[in-house]
Amino acid sequence: MSQTDNSTIQALSTEVSKLNQELQLRDQLVQQLSQELFRLVKGNTNFMPVPEVSERHQTQVQALREQLQAVEQQVTFYQEQITSRDSEIYQLRQTVQELSDRSRMLEQVVQELPQIYRRKFEERMAPVRDKVATLQRENRQLQAELQSVSYRLALKTRTASHSGIDLPSFPRLASPPGNASPIPNA
């Protein structure tokens, strides 16, 4: 509720209580006048109200009644306004409560989202990790087999093309004049 609505309601409430005070004051005056008239009439049997005074009082009483009726209409109007505003206030409070609850729920969801995403990511990544581990094992196994096959192939080619040990052959040199033994072939 805005501050202007509060100030309007407060101003209306102040005016209503002021009008109620005026109404009570007028009621007291009317009561006093009627008691005084009753006392005068009852105490003096010879007293006959002058028609002019009586009419004047009647017009005053009539004017007071009209004012009272106008005040009562104003009070009724203000009471309806207050009732209407009270229902608006109640509805706004309910709306605020609902929005606060929804806001709290959304804040909780937002706080839980990272964990939810991590968990979902982990759930999706688990099969991928298993597949990667399986592929890595297969890769190591295949590399070991490849090395074994390469080694065996190298051995097989070496033994097939050379039936013995591959030794280098050096050219024969002529023996020097003082040495009777030739240099053996290595």
N, C-alpha and C. Protein backbone atom coordinates (compact mmCIF):
# COMPACT_ATOMS: atom_id res chain seq x y z
N MET A 1 0.85 -1.16 0.00
CA MET A 1 0.00 0.00 0.00
C MET A 1 0.89 1.23 0.00
N SER A 2 0.49 2.23 -0.77
CA SER A 2 1.35 3.41 -0.88
C SER A 2 1.11 4.36 0.27
N GLN A 3 2.01 5.29 0.39
CA GLN A 3 1.96 6.24 1.50
C GLN A 3 0.77 7.18 1.32
N THR A 4 0.43 7.50 0.07
CA THR A 4 -0.71 8.40 -0.17
C THR A 4 -2.00 7.73 0.26
N ASP A 5 -2.13 6.41 0.04
CA ASP A 5 -3.32 5.70 0.50
C ASP A 5 -3.40 5.74 2.02
N ASN A 6 -2.27 5.53 2.69
CA ASN A 6 -2.25 5.59 4.16
C ASN A 6 -2.64 6.98 4.65
N SER A 7 -2.09 8.01 4.01
CA SER A 7 -2.40 9.37 4.46
C SER A 7 -3.86 9.70 4.18
N THR A 8 -4.41 9.21 3.05
CA THR A 8 -5.81 9.45 2.73
C THR A 8 -6.71 8.77 3.76
N ILE A 9 -6.39 7.54 4.07
CA ILE A 9 -7.19 6.80 5.06
C ILE A 9 -7.10 7.49 6.42
N GLN A 10 -5.93 7.94 6.78
CA GLN A 10 -5.76 8.61 8.07
C GLN A 10 -6.54 9.92 8.08
N ALA A 11 -6.50 10.67 6.97
CA ALA A 11 -7.23 11.94 6.89
C ALA A 11 -8.73 11.67 6.99
N LEU A 12 -9.20 10.63 6.29
CA LEU A 12 -10.63 10.29 6.34
C LEU A 12 -11.02 9.86 7.76
N SER A 13 -10.18 9.09 8.37
CA SER A 13 -10.46 8.64 9.73
C SER A 13 -10.52 9.83 10.69
N THR A 14 -9.61 10.78 10.52
CA THR A 14 -9.60 11.98 11.36
C THR A 14 -10.88 12.78 11.15
N GLU A 15 -11.27 12.93 9.88
CA GLU A 15 -12.47 13.70 9.58
C GLU A 15 -13.71 13.01 10.15
N VAL A 16 -13.76 11.67 10.06
CA VAL A 16 -14.90 10.93 10.60
C VAL A 16 -14.99 11.12 12.11
N SER A 17 -13.85 11.03 12.80
CA SER A 17 -13.91 11.20 14.26
C SER A 17 -14.28 12.64 14.61
N LYS A 18 -13.83 13.62 13.82
CA LYS A 18 -14.19 15.02 14.06
C LYS A 18 -15.70 15.22 13.88
N LEU A 19 -16.24 14.62 12.81
CA LEU A 19 -17.67 14.73 12.56
C LEU A 19 -18.47 14.01 13.65
N ASN A 20 -17.98 12.90 14.13
CA ASN A 20 -18.66 12.20 15.23
C ASN A 20 -18.68 13.06 16.49
N GLN A 21 -17.59 13.76 16.74
CA GLN A 21 -17.55 14.65 17.92
C GLN A 21 -18.58 15.78 17.78
N GLU A 22 -18.63 16.36 16.55
CA GLU A 22 -19.61 17.43 16.32
C GLU A 22 -21.03 16.89 16.51
N LEU A 23 -21.26 15.70 16.00
CA LEU A 23 -22.58 15.08 16.12
C LEU A 23 -22.94 14.85 17.59
N GLN A 24 -22.00 14.36 18.37
CA GLN A 24 -22.25 14.15 19.79
C GLN A 24 -22.55 15.47 20.50
N LEU A 25 -21.82 16.51 20.13
CA LEU A 25 -22.04 17.82 20.73
C LEU A 25 -23.43 18.33 20.40
N ARG A 26 -23.83 18.16 19.15
CA ARG A 26 -25.17 18.61 18.76
C ARG A 26 -26.25 17.78 19.44
N ASP A 27 -26.01 16.48 19.55
CA ASP A 27 -26.97 15.63 20.26
C ASP A 27 -27.13 16.09 21.71
N GLN A 28 -26.02 16.44 22.34
CA GLN A 28 -26.07 16.92 23.72
C GLN A 28 -26.86 18.22 23.82
N LEU A 29 -26.63 19.11 22.86
CA LEU A 29 -27.36 20.38 22.87
C LEU A 29 -28.85 20.16 22.68
N VAL A 30 -29.19 19.27 21.75
CA VAL A 30 -30.62 18.97 21.53
C VAL A 30 -31.21 18.36 22.79
N GLN A 31 -30.48 17.45 23.42
CA GLN A 31 -30.95 16.81 24.65
C GLN A 31 -31.16 17.86 25.75
N GLN A 32 -30.19 18.74 25.89
CA GLN A 32 -30.32 19.80 26.92
C GLN A 32 -31.50 20.70 26.63
N LEU A 33 -31.65 21.08 25.36
CA LEU A 33 -32.79 21.94 25.00
C LEU A 33 -34.11 21.24 25.27
N SER A 34 -34.21 19.98 24.91
CA SER A 34 -35.48 19.30 25.15
C SER A 34 -35.75 19.12 26.63
N GLN A 35 -34.69 18.86 27.42
CA GLN A 35 -34.90 18.76 28.87
C GLN A 35 -35.34 20.11 29.46
N GLU A 36 -34.71 21.16 28.98
CA GLU A 36 -35.07 22.50 29.47
C GLU A 36 -36.49 22.84 29.10
N LEU A 37 -36.86 22.54 27.84
CA LEU A 37 -38.24 22.81 27.41
C LEU A 37 -39.23 21.97 28.22
N PHE A 38 -38.88 20.71 28.42
CA PHE A 38 -39.77 19.85 29.19
C PHE A 38 -39.94 20.39 30.61
N ARG A 39 -38.81 20.82 31.20
CA ARG A 39 -38.87 21.37 32.56
C ARG A 39 -39.72 22.64 32.59
N LEU A 40 -39.55 23.50 31.59
CA LEU A 40 -40.33 24.75 31.56
C LEU A 40 -41.81 24.48 31.35
N VAL A 41 -42.11 23.57 30.44
CA VAL A 41 -43.52 23.27 30.15
C VAL A 41 -44.17 22.58 31.34
N LYS A 42 -43.48 21.63 31.93
CA LYS A 42 -44.04 20.88 33.04
C LYS A 42 -44.20 21.77 34.28
N GLY A 43 -43.24 22.61 34.52
CA GLY A 43 -43.29 23.47 35.71
C GLY A 43 -44.27 24.62 35.58
N ASN A 44 -44.60 25.07 34.40
CA ASN A 44 -45.48 26.21 34.20
C ASN A 44 -46.62 25.79 33.31
N THR A 45 -47.74 25.52 33.92
CA THR A 45 -48.90 25.07 33.15
C THR A 45 -49.50 26.22 32.36
N ASN A 46 -49.25 27.44 32.80
CA ASN A 46 -49.78 28.59 32.07
C ASN A 46 -48.94 28.94 30.85
N PHE A 47 -47.81 28.31 30.81
CA PHE A 47 -46.90 28.65 29.72
C PHE A 47 -47.38 28.01 28.43
N MET A 48 -47.55 28.83 27.48
CA MET A 48 -47.92 28.36 26.14
C MET A 48 -46.84 28.87 25.20
N PRO A 49 -46.21 27.98 24.52
CA PRO A 49 -45.14 28.43 23.64
C PRO A 49 -45.68 29.37 22.57
N VAL A 50 -44.89 30.35 22.34
CA VAL A 50 -45.26 31.30 21.29
C VAL A 50 -45.06 30.58 19.96
N PRO A 51 -46.03 30.68 19.09
CA PRO A 51 -45.93 29.95 17.83
C PRO A 51 -44.66 30.33 17.05
N GLU A 52 -44.27 31.59 17.14
CA GLU A 52 -43.10 32.04 16.42
C GLU A 52 -41.84 31.37 16.95
N VAL A 53 -41.72 31.28 18.30
CA VAL A 53 -40.56 30.64 18.92
C VAL A 53 -40.58 29.14 18.60
N SER A 54 -41.71 28.56 18.64
CA SER A 54 -41.84 27.14 18.38
C SER A 54 -41.43 26.82 16.94
N GLU A 55 -41.85 27.62 16.01
CA GLU A 55 -41.49 27.40 14.61
C GLU A 55 -39.98 27.58 14.42
N ARG A 56 -39.44 28.58 15.11
CA ARG A 56 -38.02 28.83 14.99
C ARG A 56 -37.24 27.61 15.51
N HIS A 57 -37.69 27.07 16.65
CA HIS A 57 -37.02 25.88 17.19
C HIS A 57 -37.18 24.69 16.24
N GLN A 58 -38.35 24.60 15.69
CA GLN A 58 -38.58 23.49 14.75
C GLN A 58 -37.68 23.60 13.53
N THR A 59 -37.50 24.81 13.03
CA THR A 59 -36.61 24.98 11.88
C THR A 59 -35.17 24.67 12.28
N GLN A 60 -34.80 25.06 13.50
CA GLN A 60 -33.44 24.74 13.96
C GLN A 60 -33.28 23.23 14.12
N VAL A 61 -34.28 22.60 14.70
CA VAL A 61 -34.23 21.15 14.88
C VAL A 61 -34.19 20.48 13.50
N GLN A 62 -35.01 20.98 12.59
CA GLN A 62 -35.02 20.42 11.23
C GLN A 62 -33.65 20.59 10.57
N ALA A 63 -33.04 21.76 10.74
CA ALA A 63 -31.71 22.01 10.16
C ALA A 63 -30.68 21.07 10.80
N LEU A 64 -30.81 20.91 12.12
CA LEU A 64 -29.89 19.99 12.80
C LEU A 64 -30.08 18.56 12.31
N ARG A 65 -31.34 18.17 12.10
CA ARG A 65 -31.60 16.82 11.59
C ARG A 65 -31.01 16.63 10.18
N GLU A 66 -31.16 17.65 9.35
CA GLU A 66 -30.60 17.57 8.00
C GLU A 66 -29.06 17.47 8.05
N GLN A 67 -28.48 18.28 8.95
CA GLN A 67 -27.02 18.21 9.11
C GLN A 67 -26.61 16.83 9.62
N LEU A 68 -27.39 16.33 10.59
CA LEU A 68 -27.11 15.01 11.12
C LEU A 68 -27.20 13.95 10.03
N GLN A 69 -28.21 14.05 9.20
CA GLN A 69 -28.38 13.09 8.11
C GLN A 69 -27.20 13.19 7.13
N ALA A 70 -26.77 14.42 6.83
CA ALA A 70 -25.62 14.60 5.93
C ALA A 70 -24.36 13.99 6.54
N VAL A 71 -24.18 14.20 7.85
CA VAL A 71 -23.02 13.64 8.53
C VAL A 71 -23.09 12.11 8.52
N GLU A 72 -24.29 11.57 8.76
CA GLU A 72 -24.45 10.12 8.73
C GLU A 72 -24.15 9.56 7.34
N GLN A 73 -24.55 10.27 6.30
CA GLN A 73 -24.23 9.83 4.94
C GLN A 73 -22.72 9.85 4.70
N GLN A 74 -22.08 10.93 5.19
CA GLN A 74 -20.63 11.00 5.05
C GLN A 74 -19.95 9.86 5.80
N VAL A 75 -20.42 9.60 7.02
CA VAL A 75 -19.84 8.52 7.82
C VAL A 75 -20.03 7.18 7.10
N THR A 76 -21.22 6.96 6.56
CA THR A 76 -21.49 5.73 5.82
C THR A 76 -20.56 5.62 4.61
N PHE A 77 -20.42 6.73 3.88
CA PHE A 77 -19.51 6.73 2.72
C PHE A 77 -18.09 6.40 3.14
N TYR A 78 -17.62 7.04 4.21
CA TYR A 78 -16.24 6.79 4.67
C TYR A 78 -16.07 5.37 5.20
N GLN A 79 -17.11 4.85 5.85
CA GLN A 79 -17.03 3.47 6.31
C GLN A 79 -16.95 2.50 5.13
N GLU A 80 -17.70 2.79 4.08
CA GLU A 80 -17.61 1.95 2.88
C GLU A 80 -16.21 2.06 2.27
N GLN A 81 -15.67 3.27 2.24
CA GLN A 81 -14.31 3.46 1.72
C GLN A 81 -13.30 2.66 2.55
N ILE A 82 -13.45 2.76 3.87
CA ILE A 82 -12.53 2.05 4.76
C ILE A 82 -12.65 0.54 4.56
N THR A 83 -13.88 0.06 4.45
CA THR A 83 -14.10 -1.37 4.22
C THR A 83 -13.48 -1.81 2.89
N SER A 84 -13.68 -0.98 1.87
CA SER A 84 -13.09 -1.28 0.56
C SER A 84 -11.57 -1.31 0.65
N ARG A 85 -11.00 -0.34 1.32
CA ARG A 85 -9.54 -0.28 1.45
C ARG A 85 -9.03 -1.45 2.30
N ASP A 86 -9.79 -1.80 3.33
CA ASP A 86 -9.38 -2.94 4.16
C ASP A 86 -9.33 -4.22 3.33
N SER A 87 -10.34 -4.40 2.46
CA SER A 87 -10.33 -5.61 1.62
C SER A 87 -9.18 -5.56 0.63
N GLU A 88 -8.88 -4.36 0.09
CA GLU A 88 -7.72 -4.22 -0.80
C GLU A 88 -6.43 -4.56 -0.06
N ILE A 89 -6.32 -4.05 1.16
CA ILE A 89 -5.13 -4.31 1.98
C ILE A 89 -4.99 -5.82 2.22
N TYR A 90 -6.09 -6.46 2.55
CA TYR A 90 -6.07 -7.91 2.80
C TYR A 90 -5.60 -8.66 1.54
N GLN A 91 -6.17 -8.29 0.39
CA GLN A 91 -5.79 -8.94 -0.86
C GLN A 91 -4.31 -8.68 -1.18
N LEU A 92 -3.87 -7.44 -0.96
CA LEU A 92 -2.46 -7.13 -1.22
C LEU A 92 -1.54 -7.90 -0.29
N ARG A 93 -1.93 -8.05 0.96
CA ARG A 93 -1.11 -8.83 1.89
C ARG A 93 -1.03 -10.29 1.46
N GLN A 94 -2.18 -10.82 1.00
CA GLN A 94 -2.16 -12.20 0.51
C GLN A 94 -1.25 -12.33 -0.70
N THR A 95 -1.34 -11.36 -1.61
CA THR A 95 -0.49 -11.37 -2.80
C THR A 95 0.97 -11.29 -2.41
N VAL A 96 1.29 -10.41 -1.46
CA VAL A 96 2.67 -10.27 -1.01
C VAL A 96 3.15 -11.58 -0.39
N GLN A 97 2.30 -12.22 0.40
CA GLN A 97 2.67 -13.50 1.02
C GLN A 97 2.93 -14.56 -0.04
N GLU A 98 2.04 -14.63 -1.04
CA GLU A 98 2.21 -15.62 -2.11
C GLU A 98 3.49 -15.35 -2.89
N LEU A 99 3.73 -14.07 -3.19
CA LEU A 99 4.94 -13.73 -3.95
C LEU A 99 6.19 -13.99 -3.12
N SER A 100 6.11 -13.73 -1.82
CA SER A 100 7.27 -14.02 -0.96
C SER A 100 7.55 -15.52 -0.93
N ASP A 101 6.49 -16.32 -0.80
CA ASP A 101 6.67 -17.77 -0.80
C ASP A 101 7.27 -18.24 -2.13
N ARG A 102 6.74 -17.70 -3.22
CA ARG A 102 7.25 -18.08 -4.54
C ARG A 102 8.70 -17.64 -4.70
N SER A 103 9.02 -16.45 -4.22
CA SER A 103 10.39 -15.95 -4.30
C SER A 103 11.34 -16.85 -3.51
N ARG A 104 10.93 -17.25 -2.30
CA ARG A 104 11.76 -18.15 -1.50
C ARG A 104 11.97 -19.48 -2.22
N MET A 105 10.90 -19.99 -2.83
CA MET A 105 11.00 -21.26 -3.54
C MET A 105 11.96 -21.11 -4.73
N LEU A 106 11.85 -20.01 -5.48
CA LEU A 106 12.73 -19.80 -6.62
C LEU A 106 14.18 -19.61 -6.18
N GLU A 107 14.39 -18.92 -5.07
CA GLU A 107 15.75 -18.77 -4.55
C GLU A 107 16.35 -20.13 -4.20
N GLN A 108 15.54 -20.97 -3.59
CA GLN A 108 16.00 -22.31 -3.24
C GLN A 108 16.35 -23.11 -4.50
N VAL A 109 15.50 -23.01 -5.52
CA VAL A 109 15.75 -23.71 -6.77
C VAL A 109 17.04 -23.20 -7.41
N VAL A 110 17.22 -21.87 -7.39
CA VAL A 110 18.43 -21.29 -7.97
C VAL A 110 19.67 -21.76 -7.21
N GLN A 111 19.56 -21.87 -5.90
CA GLN A 111 20.69 -22.34 -5.11
C GLN A 111 20.99 -23.82 -5.37
N GLU A 112 19.96 -24.59 -5.67
CA GLU A 112 20.15 -26.02 -5.91
C GLU A 112 20.57 -26.33 -7.34
N LEU A 113 20.38 -25.38 -8.27
CA LEU A 113 20.69 -25.64 -9.68
C LEU A 113 22.13 -26.09 -9.92
N PRO A 114 23.15 -25.45 -9.34
CA PRO A 114 24.50 -25.94 -9.62
C PRO A 114 24.70 -27.40 -9.23
N GLN A 115 24.17 -27.81 -8.07
CA GLN A 115 24.33 -29.21 -7.68
C GLN A 115 23.57 -30.13 -8.63
N ILE A 116 22.40 -29.69 -9.05
CA ILE A 116 21.61 -30.51 -9.98
C ILE A 116 22.37 -30.67 -11.30
N TYR A 117 22.90 -29.53 -11.80
CA TYR A 117 23.65 -29.62 -13.06
C TYR A 117 24.89 -30.49 -12.91
N ARG A 118 25.61 -30.37 -11.77
CA ARG A 118 26.79 -31.21 -11.55
C ARG A 118 26.40 -32.68 -11.52
N ARG A 119 25.33 -32.98 -10.79
CA ARG A 119 24.90 -34.38 -10.69
C ARG A 119 24.49 -34.92 -12.07
N LYS A 120 23.72 -34.13 -12.82
CA LYS A 120 23.30 -34.57 -14.15
C LYS A 120 24.52 -34.73 -15.06
N PHE A 121 25.48 -33.80 -14.96
CA PHE A 121 26.69 -33.88 -15.78
C PHE A 121 27.47 -35.14 -15.43
N GLU A 122 27.59 -35.41 -14.11
CA GLU A 122 28.30 -36.61 -13.67
C GLU A 122 27.59 -37.86 -14.17
N GLU A 123 26.25 -37.85 -14.13
CA GLU A 123 25.49 -39.00 -14.61
C GLU A 123 25.73 -39.22 -16.11
N ARG A 124 25.80 -38.14 -16.86
CA ARG A 124 26.02 -38.25 -18.30
C ARG A 124 27.48 -38.59 -18.61
N MET A 125 28.38 -38.10 -17.76
CA MET A 125 29.81 -38.34 -18.01
C MET A 125 30.25 -39.75 -17.60
N ALA A 126 29.55 -40.40 -16.68
CA ALA A 126 29.96 -41.72 -16.22
C ALA A 126 30.07 -42.72 -17.38
N PRO A 127 29.07 -42.84 -18.26
CA PRO A 127 29.23 -43.78 -19.37
C PRO A 127 30.36 -43.36 -20.32
N VAL A 128 30.53 -42.04 -20.48
CA VAL A 128 31.59 -41.56 -21.37
C VAL A 128 32.95 -41.94 -20.78
N ARG A 129 33.13 -41.74 -19.47
CA ARG A 129 34.38 -42.09 -18.80
C ARG A 129 34.65 -43.60 -18.91
N ASP A 130 33.59 -44.38 -18.69
CA ASP A 130 33.75 -45.84 -18.81
C ASP A 130 34.18 -46.21 -20.23
N LYS A 131 33.57 -45.58 -21.21
CA LYS A 131 33.90 -45.88 -22.61
C LYS A 131 35.34 -45.46 -22.90
N VAL A 132 35.77 -44.27 -22.39
CA VAL A 132 37.14 -43.81 -22.59
C VAL A 132 38.12 -44.77 -21.93
N ALA A 133 37.82 -45.22 -20.71
CA ALA A 133 38.71 -46.17 -20.02
C ALA A 133 38.80 -47.47 -20.81
N THR A 134 37.66 -47.94 -21.32
CA THR A 134 37.66 -49.17 -22.12
C THR A 134 38.50 -48.98 -23.39
N LEU A 135 38.32 -47.84 -24.05
CA LEU A 135 39.09 -47.58 -25.27
C LEU A 135 40.59 -47.46 -24.97
N GLN A 136 40.93 -46.84 -23.84
CA GLN A 136 42.34 -46.73 -23.48
C GLN A 136 42.95 -48.11 -23.21
N ARG A 137 42.20 -48.98 -22.50
CA ARG A 137 42.68 -50.34 -22.26
C ARG A 137 42.88 -51.07 -23.58
N GLU A 138 41.89 -50.98 -24.46
CA GLU A 138 41.99 -51.63 -25.77
C GLU A 138 43.18 -51.07 -26.54
N ASN A 139 43.37 -49.75 -26.45
CA ASN A 139 44.49 -49.12 -27.16
C ASN A 139 45.82 -49.65 -26.65
N ARG A 140 45.98 -49.73 -25.32
CA ARG A 140 47.22 -50.26 -24.75
C ARG A 140 47.44 -51.72 -25.19
N GLN A 141 46.35 -52.47 -25.15
CA GLN A 141 46.45 -53.88 -25.54
C GLN A 141 46.84 -54.00 -27.01
N LEU A 142 46.23 -53.18 -27.85
CA LEU A 142 46.54 -53.22 -29.28
C LEU A 142 47.97 -52.75 -29.54
N GLN A 143 48.42 -51.74 -28.78
CA GLN A 143 49.80 -51.28 -28.95
C GLN A 143 50.78 -52.37 -28.53
N ALA A 144 50.48 -53.07 -27.44
CA ALA A 144 51.35 -54.17 -27.00
C ALA A 144 51.39 -55.26 -28.07
N GLU A 145 50.22 -55.59 -28.62
CA GLU A 145 50.17 -56.61 -29.67
C GLU A 145 50.93 -56.14 -30.89
N LEU A 146 50.79 -54.86 -31.24
CA LEU A 146 51.48 -54.31 -32.39
C LEU A 146 53.00 -54.39 -32.20
N GLN A 147 53.46 -54.04 -31.00
CA GLN A 147 54.89 -54.12 -30.72
C GLN A 147 55.37 -55.56 -30.80
N SER A 148 54.56 -56.47 -30.27
CA SER A 148 54.92 -57.88 -30.30
C SER A 148 54.99 -58.37 -31.74
N VAL A 149 53.99 -58.01 -32.53
CA VAL A 149 53.96 -58.44 -33.93
C VAL A 149 55.12 -57.79 -34.68
N SER A 150 55.41 -56.51 -34.43
CA SER A 150 56.52 -55.82 -35.10
C SER A 150 57.84 -56.49 -34.74
N TYR A 151 57.99 -56.84 -33.47
CA TYR A 151 59.22 -57.48 -33.03
C TYR A 151 59.37 -58.84 -33.71
N ARG A 152 58.31 -59.62 -33.71
CA ARG A 152 58.35 -60.95 -34.34
C ARG A 152 58.60 -60.83 -35.84
N LEU A 153 57.98 -59.83 -36.46
CA LEU A 153 58.17 -59.63 -37.89
C LEU A 153 59.62 -59.24 -38.18
N ALA A 154 60.17 -58.38 -37.33
CA ALA A 154 61.56 -57.97 -37.52
C ALA A 154 62.48 -59.18 -37.37
N LEU A 155 62.21 -60.01 -36.38
CA LEU A 155 63.02 -61.21 -36.20
C LEU A 155 62.89 -62.15 -37.39
N LYS A 156 61.69 -62.29 -37.86
CA LYS A 156 61.43 -63.21 -38.95
C LYS A 156 62.12 -62.73 -40.22
N THR A 157 62.05 -61.44 -40.50
CA THR A 157 62.69 -60.90 -41.70
C THR A 157 64.19 -61.01 -41.58
N ARG A 158 64.72 -60.78 -40.42
CA ARG A 158 66.16 -60.85 -40.21
C ARG A 158 66.63 -62.29 -40.39
N THR A 159 65.94 -63.22 -39.84
CA THR A 159 66.36 -64.62 -39.95
C THR A 159 66.11 -65.14 -41.35
N ALA A 160 65.11 -64.66 -42.01
CA ALA A 160 64.83 -65.17 -43.36
C ALA A 160 65.85 -64.64 -44.36
N SER A 161 66.28 -63.42 -44.27
CA SER A 161 67.22 -62.86 -45.24
C SER A 161 68.65 -63.20 -44.88
N HIS A 162 69.00 -63.38 -43.68
CA HIS A 162 70.36 -63.72 -43.23
C HIS A 162 70.25 -64.97 -42.39
N SER A 163 70.86 -65.94 -42.82
CA SER A 163 70.77 -67.18 -42.10
C SER A 163 71.75 -67.25 -40.96
N GLY A 164 72.50 -66.26 -40.78
CA GLY A 164 73.48 -66.25 -39.69
C GLY A 164 73.59 -64.86 -39.12
N ILE A 165 74.70 -64.67 -38.46
CA ILE A 165 74.93 -63.38 -37.86
C ILE A 165 75.49 -62.49 -38.94
N ASP A 166 75.08 -61.35 -38.99
CA ASP A 166 75.55 -60.37 -39.96
C ASP A 166 76.85 -59.79 -39.47
N LEU A 167 77.98 -60.15 -40.11
CA LEU A 167 79.27 -59.61 -39.71
C LEU A 167 79.79 -58.75 -40.84
N PRO A 168 80.48 -57.71 -40.47
CA PRO A 168 81.02 -56.89 -41.56
C PRO A 168 82.20 -57.59 -42.23
N SER A 169 82.36 -57.36 -43.49
CA SER A 169 83.49 -57.94 -44.22
C SER A 169 84.47 -56.83 -44.52
N PHE A 170 85.75 -57.11 -44.18
CA PHE A 170 86.82 -56.13 -44.42
C PHE A 170 87.66 -56.61 -45.59
N PRO A 171 88.25 -55.74 -46.41
CA PRO A 171 89.10 -56.18 -47.52
C PRO A 171 90.45 -56.70 -46.98
N ARG A 172 91.04 -57.63 -47.69
CA ARG A 172 92.31 -58.20 -47.27
C ARG A 172 93.43 -57.26 -47.61
N LEU A 173 94.31 -57.14 -46.69
CA LEU A 173 95.46 -56.28 -46.89
C LEU A 173 96.70 -57.15 -47.17
N ALA A 174 97.62 -56.60 -47.87
CA ALA A 174 98.86 -57.33 -48.15
C ALA A 174 99.71 -57.35 -46.90
N SER A 175 100.36 -58.43 -46.64
CA SER A 175 101.14 -58.54 -45.42
C SER A 175 102.44 -57.77 -45.55
N PRO A 176 102.93 -57.15 -44.51
CA PRO A 176 104.16 -56.39 -44.55
C PRO A 176 105.38 -57.35 -44.62
N PRO A 177 106.54 -56.88 -45.08
CA PRO A 177 107.66 -57.76 -45.33
C PRO A 177 108.20 -58.40 -44.06
N GLY A 178 108.13 -57.99 -42.97
CA GLY A 178 108.73 -58.64 -41.80
C GLY A 178 107.76 -59.56 -41.10
N ASN A 179 106.60 -59.57 -41.41
CA ASN A 179 105.61 -60.33 -40.71
C ASN A 179 105.18 -61.48 -41.58
N ALA A 180 105.32 -62.68 -41.08
CA ALA A 180 105.03 -63.83 -41.90
C ALA A 180 103.58 -64.21 -41.81
N SER A 181 102.92 -63.81 -40.75
CA SER A 181 101.52 -64.24 -40.64
C SER A 181 100.58 -63.16 -41.21
N PRO A 182 99.72 -63.61 -42.01
CA PRO A 182 98.77 -62.63 -42.56
C PRO A 182 97.74 -62.21 -41.50
N ILE A 183 97.13 -61.09 -41.70
CA ILE A 183 96.09 -60.58 -40.77
C ILE A 183 94.87 -61.44 -41.01
N PRO A 184 94.40 -62.02 -39.98
CA PRO A 184 93.23 -62.87 -40.19
C PRO A 184 92.01 -62.05 -40.57
N ASN A 185 91.19 -62.70 -41.28
CA ASN A 185 89.92 -62.06 -41.69
C ASN A 185 88.98 -62.09 -40.51
N ALA A 186 88.46 -61.01 -40.26
CA ALA A 186 87.57 -60.95 -39.11
C ALA A 186 86.19 -61.29 -39.46
